[in-house]
Amino acid sequence: MTFLEILKTFLELAAVVLLIVGFINEKKVIAFEVKLARAIRIHIRNYRLRKQREAQAEYAAKVQKRAPEDVYEEAEAPVLTVVSKKGSHRVA
């Protein structure tokens, strides 16, 4: 027998033993599968939330880098728009 045949036989035997143990402890295996699926869902959710927070922080950092003097030029003065029941008008 070659090494590969011995390894293949050992793996087949291990699979059969694990299958029998799985049938004997079926409830524990099912509980493990449920916990594993839940842990994976939580991990995916946390990963998405973490990426979303990182994107928001990156955007906030970009916005914060802009100084107010960079936004307005001297020709453009900030304008305040007042909205009332009659309409809206601008106040310089």
N, C-alpha and C. Protein backbone atom coordinates (compact mmCIF):
# COMPACT_ATOMS: atom_id res chain seq x y z
N MET A 1 0.84 -1.19 0.00
CA MET A 1 0.00 0.00 0.00
C MET A 1 0.88 1.24 0.00
N THR A 2 0.46 2.19 -0.79
CA THR A 2 1.19 3.44 -0.82
C THR A 2 0.66 4.38 0.26
N PHE A 3 1.39 5.45 0.46
CA PHE A 3 0.99 6.42 1.49
C PHE A 3 -0.36 7.04 1.16
N LEU A 4 -0.63 7.33 -0.10
CA LEU A 4 -1.91 7.95 -0.48
C LEU A 4 -3.08 7.01 -0.22
N GLU A 5 -2.91 5.72 -0.46
CA GLU A 5 -3.98 4.77 -0.18
C GLU A 5 -4.25 4.68 1.31
N ILE A 6 -3.21 4.70 2.12
CA ILE A 6 -3.38 4.66 3.58
C ILE A 6 -4.09 5.93 4.05
N LEU A 7 -3.69 7.07 3.52
CA LEU A 7 -4.32 8.33 3.88
C LEU A 7 -5.79 8.36 3.47
N LYS A 8 -6.08 7.87 2.27
CA LYS A 8 -7.47 7.83 1.79
C LYS A 8 -8.31 6.92 2.68
N THR A 9 -7.80 5.76 3.04
CA THR A 9 -8.52 4.83 3.91
C THR A 9 -8.77 5.45 5.28
N PHE A 10 -7.76 6.11 5.82
CA PHE A 10 -7.91 6.76 7.12
C PHE A 10 -8.98 7.84 7.07
N LEU A 11 -8.98 8.67 6.03
CA LEU A 11 -9.98 9.73 5.91
C LEU A 11 -11.40 9.16 5.74
N GLU A 12 -11.54 8.07 5.01
CA GLU A 12 -12.85 7.43 4.85
C GLU A 12 -13.34 6.89 6.20
N LEU A 13 -12.46 6.27 6.93
CA LEU A 13 -12.81 5.74 8.25
C LEU A 13 -13.20 6.88 9.20
N ALA A 14 -12.45 7.97 9.17
CA ALA A 14 -12.76 9.13 10.01
C ALA A 14 -14.11 9.72 9.65
N ALA A 15 -14.44 9.78 8.36
CA ALA A 15 -15.73 10.32 7.93
C ALA A 15 -16.87 9.45 8.44
N VAL A 16 -16.71 8.13 8.39
CA VAL A 16 -17.76 7.22 8.88
C VAL A 16 -17.94 7.39 10.39
N VAL A 17 -16.82 7.47 11.12
CA VAL A 17 -16.91 7.64 12.58
C VAL A 17 -17.58 8.97 12.92
N LEU A 18 -17.21 10.05 12.23
CA LEU A 18 -17.83 11.35 12.48
C LEU A 18 -19.32 11.34 12.14
N LEU A 19 -19.71 10.62 11.11
CA LEU A 19 -21.11 10.51 10.74
C LEU A 19 -21.90 9.79 11.84
N ILE A 20 -21.35 8.71 12.36
CA ILE A 20 -22.02 7.97 13.44
C ILE A 20 -22.12 8.84 14.69
N VAL A 21 -21.04 9.53 15.04
CA VAL A 21 -21.08 10.42 16.21
C VAL A 21 -22.10 11.54 15.99
N GLY A 22 -22.20 12.04 14.78
CA GLY A 22 -23.18 13.07 14.46
C GLY A 22 -24.60 12.58 14.65
N PHE A 23 -24.89 11.32 14.26
CA PHE A 23 -26.22 10.77 14.46
C PHE A 23 -26.52 10.57 15.95
N ILE A 24 -25.52 10.18 16.72
CA ILE A 24 -25.74 9.97 18.15
C ILE A 24 -25.99 11.30 18.85
N ASN A 25 -25.24 12.34 18.51
CA ASN A 25 -25.37 13.65 19.15
C ASN A 25 -26.06 14.64 18.21
N GLU A 26 -27.16 14.25 17.64
CA GLU A 26 -27.82 15.06 16.62
C GLU A 26 -28.26 16.41 17.15
N LYS A 27 -28.82 16.46 18.34
CA LYS A 27 -29.31 17.73 18.89
C LYS A 27 -28.15 18.70 19.13
N LYS A 28 -27.04 18.19 19.60
CA LYS A 28 -25.89 19.06 19.83
C LYS A 28 -25.34 19.58 18.51
N VAL A 29 -25.34 18.76 17.49
CA VAL A 29 -24.85 19.18 16.17
C VAL A 29 -25.76 20.27 15.60
N ILE A 30 -27.07 20.07 15.74
CA ILE A 30 -28.02 21.06 15.24
C ILE A 30 -27.86 22.38 15.99
N ALA A 31 -27.70 22.32 17.32
CA ALA A 31 -27.49 23.52 18.11
C ALA A 31 -26.22 24.24 17.68
N PHE A 32 -25.17 23.47 17.40
CA PHE A 32 -23.92 24.06 16.92
C PHE A 32 -24.11 24.76 15.58
N GLU A 33 -24.84 24.12 14.67
CA GLU A 33 -25.09 24.71 13.35
C GLU A 33 -25.87 26.02 13.48
N VAL A 34 -26.86 26.04 14.37
CA VAL A 34 -27.66 27.26 14.57
C VAL A 34 -26.77 28.38 15.13
N LYS A 35 -25.94 28.05 16.12
CA LYS A 35 -25.05 29.06 16.69
C LYS A 35 -24.05 29.56 15.66
N LEU A 36 -23.54 28.65 14.85
CA LEU A 36 -22.58 29.04 13.82
C LEU A 36 -23.23 29.96 12.78
N ALA A 37 -24.44 29.63 12.35
CA ALA A 37 -25.14 30.48 11.38
C ALA A 37 -25.42 31.86 11.97
N ARG A 38 -25.81 31.89 13.25
CA ARG A 38 -26.08 33.17 13.92
C ARG A 38 -24.80 34.00 14.02
N ALA A 39 -23.70 33.36 14.38
CA ALA A 39 -22.43 34.08 14.49
C ALA A 39 -22.00 34.65 13.14
N ILE A 40 -22.23 33.91 12.08
CA ILE A 40 -21.87 34.40 10.74
C ILE A 40 -22.74 35.60 10.36
N ARG A 41 -24.05 35.52 10.65
CA ARG A 41 -24.93 36.65 10.35
C ARG A 41 -24.52 37.90 11.12
N ILE A 42 -24.19 37.73 12.41
CA ILE A 42 -23.77 38.86 13.24
C ILE A 42 -22.46 39.45 12.70
N HIS A 43 -21.54 38.58 12.31
CA HIS A 43 -20.27 39.06 11.77
C HIS A 43 -20.48 39.87 10.50
N ILE A 44 -21.33 39.39 9.60
CA ILE A 44 -21.61 40.10 8.35
C ILE A 44 -22.27 41.44 8.64
N ARG A 45 -23.22 41.46 9.57
CA ARG A 45 -23.90 42.71 9.93
C ARG A 45 -22.91 43.71 10.51
N ASN A 46 -22.06 43.26 11.42
CA ASN A 46 -21.08 44.16 12.03
C ASN A 46 -20.08 44.66 11.00
N TYR A 47 -19.69 43.80 10.07
CA TYR A 47 -18.77 44.21 9.00
C TYR A 47 -19.38 45.32 8.16
N ARG A 48 -20.65 45.15 7.78
CA ARG A 48 -21.32 46.17 6.98
C ARG A 48 -21.45 47.48 7.75
N LEU A 49 -21.83 47.40 9.03
CA LEU A 49 -21.95 48.61 9.84
C LEU A 49 -20.60 49.30 10.01
N ARG A 50 -19.54 48.52 10.22
CA ARG A 50 -18.21 49.09 10.38
C ARG A 50 -17.78 49.81 9.10
N LYS A 51 -18.02 49.20 7.95
CA LYS A 51 -17.67 49.83 6.67
C LYS A 51 -18.49 51.11 6.46
N GLN A 52 -19.76 51.08 6.85
CA GLN A 52 -20.62 52.25 6.70
C GLN A 52 -20.11 53.38 7.59
N ARG A 53 -19.74 53.07 8.84
CA ARG A 53 -19.21 54.10 9.75
C ARG A 53 -17.89 54.66 9.22
N GLU A 54 -17.04 53.79 8.68
CA GLU A 54 -15.78 54.26 8.12
C GLU A 54 -16.02 55.20 6.95
N ALA A 55 -16.98 54.88 6.10
CA ALA A 55 -17.30 55.74 4.96
C ALA A 55 -17.84 57.08 5.44
N GLN A 56 -18.68 57.07 6.46
CA GLN A 56 -19.22 58.32 7.00
C GLN A 56 -18.11 59.16 7.63
N ALA A 57 -17.20 58.52 8.35
CA ALA A 57 -16.09 59.24 8.96
C ALA A 57 -15.17 59.83 7.89
N GLU A 58 -14.94 59.08 6.83
CA GLU A 58 -14.11 59.57 5.73
C GLU A 58 -14.76 60.77 5.06
N TYR A 59 -16.07 60.69 4.85
CA TYR A 59 -16.79 61.81 4.24
C TYR A 59 -16.76 63.03 5.16
N ALA A 60 -16.96 62.82 6.46
CA ALA A 60 -16.94 63.92 7.42
C ALA A 60 -15.55 64.57 7.45
N ALA A 61 -14.51 63.77 7.34
CA ALA A 61 -13.15 64.31 7.34
C ALA A 61 -12.92 65.16 6.10
N LYS A 62 -13.45 64.72 4.95
CA LYS A 62 -13.31 65.51 3.72
C LYS A 62 -14.04 66.84 3.85
N VAL A 63 -15.25 66.80 4.40
CA VAL A 63 -16.05 68.01 4.55
C VAL A 63 -15.38 68.94 5.55
N GLN A 64 -14.84 68.39 6.60
CA GLN A 64 -14.24 69.21 7.64
C GLN A 64 -12.94 69.86 7.17
N LYS A 65 -12.27 69.27 6.20
CA LYS A 65 -11.03 69.85 5.68
C LYS A 65 -11.28 71.15 4.94
N ARG A 66 -12.47 71.31 4.39
CA ARG A 66 -12.78 72.54 3.67
C ARG A 66 -12.97 73.67 4.68
N ALA A 67 -12.24 74.72 4.51
CA ALA A 67 -12.38 75.88 5.37
C ALA A 67 -13.46 76.79 4.80
N PRO A 68 -14.18 77.52 5.63
CA PRO A 68 -15.24 78.40 5.11
C PRO A 68 -14.71 79.41 4.10
N GLU A 69 -13.47 79.88 4.27
CA GLU A 69 -12.94 80.85 3.31
C GLU A 69 -12.68 80.21 1.96
N ASP A 70 -12.53 78.90 1.92
CA ASP A 70 -12.36 78.23 0.64
C ASP A 70 -13.69 78.07 -0.10
N VAL A 71 -14.76 78.04 0.65
CA VAL A 71 -16.06 77.81 0.05
C VAL A 71 -16.56 79.07 -0.66
N TYR A 72 -16.36 80.23 -0.02
CA TYR A 72 -16.88 81.48 -0.58
C TYR A 72 -15.72 82.32 -1.10
N GLU A 73 -15.92 82.88 -2.25
CA GLU A 73 -14.96 83.83 -2.78
C GLU A 73 -15.41 85.23 -2.36
N GLU A 74 -14.56 86.21 -2.57
CA GLU A 74 -14.91 87.57 -2.14
C GLU A 74 -16.12 88.10 -2.90
N ALA A 75 -16.26 87.72 -4.15
CA ALA A 75 -17.38 88.21 -4.94
C ALA A 75 -18.70 87.61 -4.44
N GLU A 76 -18.62 86.45 -3.89
CA GLU A 76 -19.82 85.79 -3.38
C GLU A 76 -19.88 85.96 -1.88
N ALA A 77 -20.89 86.60 -1.41
CA ALA A 77 -21.09 86.70 0.03
C ALA A 77 -22.12 85.64 0.42
N PRO A 78 -22.00 85.08 1.60
CA PRO A 78 -23.01 84.12 2.02
C PRO A 78 -24.38 84.77 2.06
N VAL A 79 -25.36 84.06 1.60
CA VAL A 79 -26.71 84.60 1.52
C VAL A 79 -27.61 83.79 2.43
N LEU A 80 -28.45 84.51 3.17
CA LEU A 80 -29.41 83.87 4.03
C LEU A 80 -30.77 83.98 3.36
N THR A 81 -31.44 82.87 3.17
CA THR A 81 -32.76 82.87 2.57
C THR A 81 -33.79 82.69 3.67
N VAL A 82 -34.71 83.66 3.75
CA VAL A 82 -35.76 83.61 4.76
C VAL A 82 -37.03 83.14 4.09
N VAL A 83 -37.63 82.10 4.65
CA VAL A 83 -38.85 81.56 4.09
C VAL A 83 -39.99 81.92 5.02
N SER A 84 -41.01 82.55 4.47
CA SER A 84 -42.18 82.90 5.28
C SER A 84 -43.43 82.42 4.57
N LYS A 85 -44.57 82.73 5.14
CA LYS A 85 -45.83 82.29 4.54
C LYS A 85 -46.09 82.96 3.19
N LYS A 86 -45.61 84.21 3.06
CA LYS A 86 -45.84 84.97 1.83
C LYS A 86 -44.89 84.55 0.71
N GLY A 87 -43.76 83.99 1.07
CA GLY A 87 -42.78 83.61 0.06
C GLY A 87 -41.41 83.59 0.69
N SER A 88 -40.39 83.62 -0.13
CA SER A 88 -39.03 83.62 0.38
C SER A 88 -38.27 84.82 -0.21
N HIS A 89 -37.36 85.36 0.57
CA HIS A 89 -36.53 86.43 0.09
C HIS A 89 -35.13 86.28 0.69
N ARG A 90 -34.16 86.88 0.01
CA ARG A 90 -32.77 86.74 0.44
C ARG A 90 -32.34 87.95 1.24
N VAL A 91 -31.58 87.68 2.27
CA VAL A 91 -31.02 88.74 3.10
C VAL A 91 -29.52 88.62 3.03
N ALA A 92 -28.82 89.70 2.67
CA ALA A 92 -27.37 89.64 2.53
C ALA A 92 -26.71 89.74 3.89
